[in-house]
Protein backbone atom coordinates (compact mmCIF):
# COMPACT_ATOMS: atom_id res chain seq x y z
CA MET A 1 108.15 9.88 182.23
CA SER A 2 106.02 9.25 179.46
CA THR A 3 103.03 11.19 179.81
CA SER A 4 100.04 12.73 178.18
CA ILE A 5 99.60 15.34 180.70
CA ASP A 6 101.80 18.69 180.28
CA TYR A 7 102.65 19.05 184.04
CA THR A 8 104.51 22.22 183.50
CA ALA A 9 101.62 24.06 181.62
CA ARG A 10 100.84 27.34 182.70
CA GLU A 11 97.63 26.68 184.32
CA TYR A 12 99.67 24.21 186.63
CA GLY A 13 101.96 26.85 187.51
CA GLY A 14 104.82 26.32 185.14
CA ILE A 15 106.95 23.86 187.15
CA ASP A 16 107.35 20.07 186.96
CA VAL A 17 106.31 17.54 189.12
CA PRO A 18 109.37 17.06 191.35
CA GLU A 19 109.40 20.95 191.99
CA ARG A 20 105.66 20.95 192.77
CA LEU A 21 106.20 18.11 194.93
CA LYS A 22 108.93 19.79 196.54
CA GLU A 23 106.98 22.88 197.39
CA ILE A 24 104.13 20.66 198.95
CA ARG A 25 106.91 19.22 201.25
CA VAL A 26 107.84 22.57 202.11
CA ALA A 27 104.22 23.51 203.02
CA HIS A 28 103.66 20.58 204.85
CA ASP A 29 106.69 21.82 207.28
CA ARG A 30 105.19 25.17 207.46
CA LEU A 31 101.76 23.39 208.41
CA ARG A 32 103.31 21.43 211.01
CA ALA A 33 104.78 24.52 212.51
CA ALA A 34 101.57 26.59 212.41
CA ALA A 35 99.57 23.80 214.00
CA ALA A 36 102.03 23.44 217.05
CA GLU A 37 101.05 27.02 217.66
CA VAL A 38 97.63 26.34 217.84
CA THR A 39 96.93 26.56 221.59
CA GLU A 40 93.46 25.35 223.19
CA GLU A 41 92.09 28.68 223.26
CA ARG A 42 93.40 29.34 219.44
CA ALA A 43 91.78 26.53 218.26
CA ARG A 44 88.24 27.88 219.14
CA GLU A 45 89.01 31.47 217.67
CA ALA A 46 87.21 32.07 214.39
CA VAL A 47 88.95 32.51 211.09
CA HIS A 48 88.01 34.43 208.18
CA LEU A 49 85.91 31.75 206.56
CA PRO A 50 82.20 32.00 207.30
CA GLY A 51 81.36 29.69 210.57
CA TRP A 52 84.91 28.17 210.90
CA THR A 53 87.39 28.46 213.50
CA ARG A 54 91.06 27.02 213.37
CA GLY A 55 89.71 23.90 214.60
CA HIS A 56 87.75 23.23 211.43
CA VAL A 57 90.77 24.12 209.31
CA LEU A 58 92.77 21.39 211.13
CA ILE A 59 90.50 18.68 210.99
CA HIS A 60 89.48 19.43 207.24
CA LEU A 61 93.05 19.21 206.40
CA ALA A 62 93.68 16.21 208.44
CA ASP A 63 90.65 14.57 206.87
CA LEU A 64 91.45 15.50 203.35
CA SER A 65 95.07 14.74 203.30
CA ARG A 66 94.06 11.02 204.46
CA ALA A 67 91.56 10.86 201.54
CA PHE A 68 93.87 11.86 198.86
CA ALA A 69 96.36 9.24 200.41
CA ARG A 70 93.69 6.85 199.63
CA GLN A 71 92.64 7.99 196.20
CA ALA A 72 96.70 7.42 195.53
CA ARG A 73 96.73 3.86 197.39
CA TYR A 74 93.69 2.58 194.96
CA ALA A 75 94.69 4.06 192.02
CA ALA A 76 98.20 2.14 192.27
CA GLU A 77 95.71 -0.73 192.59
CA GLY A 78 93.88 -0.13 189.32
CA ARG A 79 90.76 0.87 191.26
CA THR A 80 88.79 3.75 192.33
CA VAL A 81 86.97 4.88 195.45
CA GLU A 82 84.89 7.91 196.70
CA VAL A 83 87.25 10.79 197.91
CA TYR A 84 84.97 10.46 201.08
CA ASP A 85 82.90 7.41 202.01
CA GLY A 86 79.43 8.75 201.95
CA GLY A 87 80.64 11.86 199.87
CA ARG A 88 80.58 15.56 200.59
CA PRO A 89 77.96 15.00 203.42
CA THR A 90 80.22 12.79 205.54
CA ARG A 91 83.39 15.35 204.98
CA ASP A 92 80.88 18.14 206.14
CA ARG A 93 79.48 16.13 209.13
CA ARG A 94 83.07 15.05 210.33
CA ILE A 95 84.06 18.63 210.29
CA GLU A 96 81.08 19.86 212.41
CA GLU A 97 81.39 17.05 214.81
CA LEU A 98 85.16 17.10 215.43
CA HIS A 99 86.39 20.35 215.29
CA GLY A 100 85.98 20.90 218.69
CA ARG A 101 88.08 18.13 219.98
CA PRO A 102 91.44 18.92 221.77
CA ALA A 103 93.96 20.61 219.96
CA GLU A 104 96.48 18.02 220.78
CA TRP A 105 94.19 15.41 219.17
CA LEU A 106 93.61 17.54 216.08
CA ARG A 107 97.29 17.76 215.62
CA GLU A 108 97.50 14.15 215.91
CA GLN A 109 94.91 13.90 213.53
CA LEU A 110 96.70 16.34 211.17
CA GLU A 111 100.29 14.64 211.41
CA GLU A 112 98.65 11.11 210.59
CA GLY A 113 97.23 12.85 207.70
CA LEU A 114 100.30 14.46 206.35
CA THR A 115 102.38 11.14 206.94
CA ALA A 116 99.88 9.28 204.99
CA ILE A 117 100.02 11.13 201.70
CA GLU A 118 103.37 11.58 202.10
CA GLU A 119 104.17 7.81 202.25
CA ALA A 120 101.28 7.39 199.43
CA TRP A 121 102.91 9.75 196.91
CA ASP A 122 106.39 8.04 197.69
CA ALA A 123 105.22 4.90 196.44
CA LEU A 124 103.75 5.89 193.33
CA GLY A 125 105.58 4.82 189.99
CA PRO A 126 106.70 7.46 187.46
CA ASP A 127 103.49 6.98 185.52
CA GLY A 128 101.27 7.01 188.71
CA TRP A 129 99.88 10.67 188.40
CA GLU A 130 98.11 9.66 185.15
CA LEU A 131 96.04 6.88 186.89
CA PRO A 132 92.66 7.72 187.21
CA CYS A 133 91.09 8.40 190.48
CA ALA A 134 87.61 9.41 191.56
CA TYR A 135 88.23 12.72 192.37
CA ARG A 136 86.62 15.07 189.89
CA ASN A 137 86.86 11.74 187.61
CA SER A 138 90.17 12.75 186.87
CA PRO A 139 93.91 11.48 186.67
CA LEU A 140 95.50 11.39 190.00
CA PHE A 141 97.38 14.21 189.21
CA ALA A 142 94.25 16.73 190.19
CA THR A 143 94.63 15.50 193.70
CA GLN A 144 98.27 16.62 193.64
CA LEU A 145 96.95 20.08 192.30
CA ALA A 146 94.24 20.38 194.71
CA TRP A 147 96.32 19.56 197.82
CA TRP A 148 98.85 22.16 196.87
CA ARG A 149 96.05 24.65 196.65
CA GLU A 150 94.23 23.31 199.86
CA VAL A 151 97.35 23.18 202.26
CA GLU A 152 98.86 26.65 201.09
CA LEU A 153 95.58 28.29 201.25
CA HIS A 154 94.60 26.90 204.51
CA THR A 155 97.74 27.32 206.38
CA VAL A 156 97.14 31.20 205.62
CA ASP A 157 93.62 30.58 207.09
CA LEU A 158 95.34 29.35 210.37
CA GLY A 159 96.49 32.76 210.59
CA VAL A 160 99.78 32.05 212.48
CA GLY A 161 102.49 33.20 210.67
CA HIS A 162 102.22 32.31 207.12
CA GLY A 163 100.76 34.90 204.72
CA SER A 164 99.59 34.94 201.33
CA GLU A 165 102.74 37.15 200.75
CA GLU A 166 104.83 34.00 200.95
CA TRP A 167 103.27 32.07 198.21
CA SER A 168 105.40 31.20 195.45
CA ASN A 169 104.95 32.63 191.94
CA ALA A 170 104.23 29.08 190.87
CA LEU A 171 101.27 28.43 193.43
CA SER A 172 99.90 31.87 192.82
CA SER A 173 99.63 31.71 189.10
CA HIS A 174 98.10 28.37 189.34
CA VAL A 175 95.59 29.63 191.99
CA VAL A 176 94.39 32.29 189.65
CA ALA A 177 94.24 30.01 186.60
CA PHE A 178 92.25 27.32 188.43
CA LEU A 179 89.86 30.06 189.77
CA GLN A 180 89.31 32.07 186.65
CA PRO A 181 85.78 30.66 186.45
CA ARG A 182 85.07 32.98 189.76
CA LEU A 183 85.60 35.80 187.24
CA PRO A 184 82.59 37.38 185.67
CA GLN A 185 82.34 38.13 182.01
CA GLY A 186 84.50 41.14 180.87
CA VAL A 187 87.19 41.07 183.29
CA VAL A 188 91.06 41.14 182.43
CA LEU A 189 93.54 40.46 185.45
CA ASN A 190 96.86 41.65 185.00
CA ALA A 191 99.72 40.66 187.19
CA ASP A 192 101.92 43.83 186.98
CA ASP A 193 105.04 41.98 188.60
CA THR A 194 105.28 39.19 186.29
CA GLY A 195 103.26 40.59 183.05
CA GLU A 196 100.73 37.48 183.41
CA GLU A 197 97.06 38.00 182.08
CA TRP A 198 93.72 36.32 182.37
CA SER A 199 90.81 37.44 180.64
CA THR A 200 87.24 36.45 180.46
CA ALA A 201 86.51 39.21 177.82
CA ALA A 202 83.97 38.96 175.07
CA GLY A 203 83.83 40.81 171.85
CA GLY A 204 81.73 44.08 172.42
CA GLN A 205 81.93 44.19 176.05
CA ASP A 206 83.14 46.94 178.22
CA LEU A 207 86.05 45.72 180.20
CA VAL A 208 87.07 45.92 183.99
CA VAL A 209 90.75 45.51 184.12
CA VAL A 210 91.98 44.62 187.67
CA ARG A 211 95.69 44.89 188.36
CA GLY A 212 97.96 44.08 191.13
CA PRO A 213 100.96 42.08 192.17
CA LEU A 214 100.47 38.27 191.35
CA ARG A 215 100.34 37.19 194.90
CA ALA A 216 97.81 39.87 195.53
CA LEU A 217 95.46 38.79 192.63
CA ALA A 218 95.90 35.16 193.99
CA ALA A 219 94.90 36.11 197.46
CA TRP A 220 91.94 38.23 196.11
CA ILE A 221 90.52 35.55 193.50
CA SER A 222 90.76 32.86 196.45
CA GLY A 223 89.14 35.15 199.15
CA ARG A 224 92.09 35.13 201.23
CA PRO A 225 93.81 38.40 202.97
CA HIS A 226 96.72 39.80 201.53
CA ARG A 227 98.44 43.37 202.46
CA VAL A 228 97.86 44.80 198.85
CA LEU A 229 94.50 44.93 197.19
CA PRO A 230 94.04 45.06 193.47
CA VAL A 231 92.99 47.79 191.87
CA ALA A 232 90.16 48.02 189.26
CA ASP A 233 90.57 50.30 186.11
CA GLY A 234 93.26 52.21 187.91
CA ASP A 235 91.20 53.82 190.61
CA PRO A 236 91.87 52.60 194.17
CA ALA A 237 88.17 53.91 195.02
CA ALA A 238 86.66 51.56 192.59
CA ALA A 239 84.84 48.31 193.61
CA LEU A 240 86.14 45.05 192.72
CA PRO A 241 84.17 42.86 190.49
CA GLU A 242 81.84 40.30 192.34
CA LEU A 243 83.12 36.96 192.15
CA ASN A 244 81.42 33.90 191.11
CA ALA A 245 80.99 30.80 193.08
CA TRP A 246 84.41 28.43 193.48
CA PRO A 247 84.60 26.05 190.79
């Protein structure tokens, strides 16, 4: 593949496109299995995302997968199109209007979206990930990374069997790198199981060093639950830094 993008860069998880797509397909299987466990009652139960239920999560993933499939189809034709017709307001309105629909309907919408994105990505040529798209005005590769994050994080949000403890090292490393802007100045993250480090340190600042297993760091910085909390400055009683907004 002739490319100007280093698909195996550390900030992208250090794996190549075929391996990342394989992880995403496995994530789709987990999501399908998790969605099958969402009964009518469970679809209405709140998750840890403020104001959201499992129904919100399902319709969001259904809509986003279709939107990213459309990004790929248009990019392959040399065209760009909004991620959502009408932009973010359309995305938010649909989630609020549709999350209360029957669980079976939500699962059907999700399956349509997953199938659409799989088919659209399968149809891409070898250089397809470099094609421009409207998502963040970036190469189409940005949608691959974004969907990798979205499907893995939101499957955890469903709370039916798959936790952040099961994320791959590649995904966890990418999540931390992508969300590094959430760190305030003067913070160093240290993954004590892989040796990876991320820093917003500047000269002359007092540093806060946050340590923990890689997956725990990824869960903390993304606002997801994990059995282990990172520790600041070696003191389990110390408060962790307050995170900035999602980039």
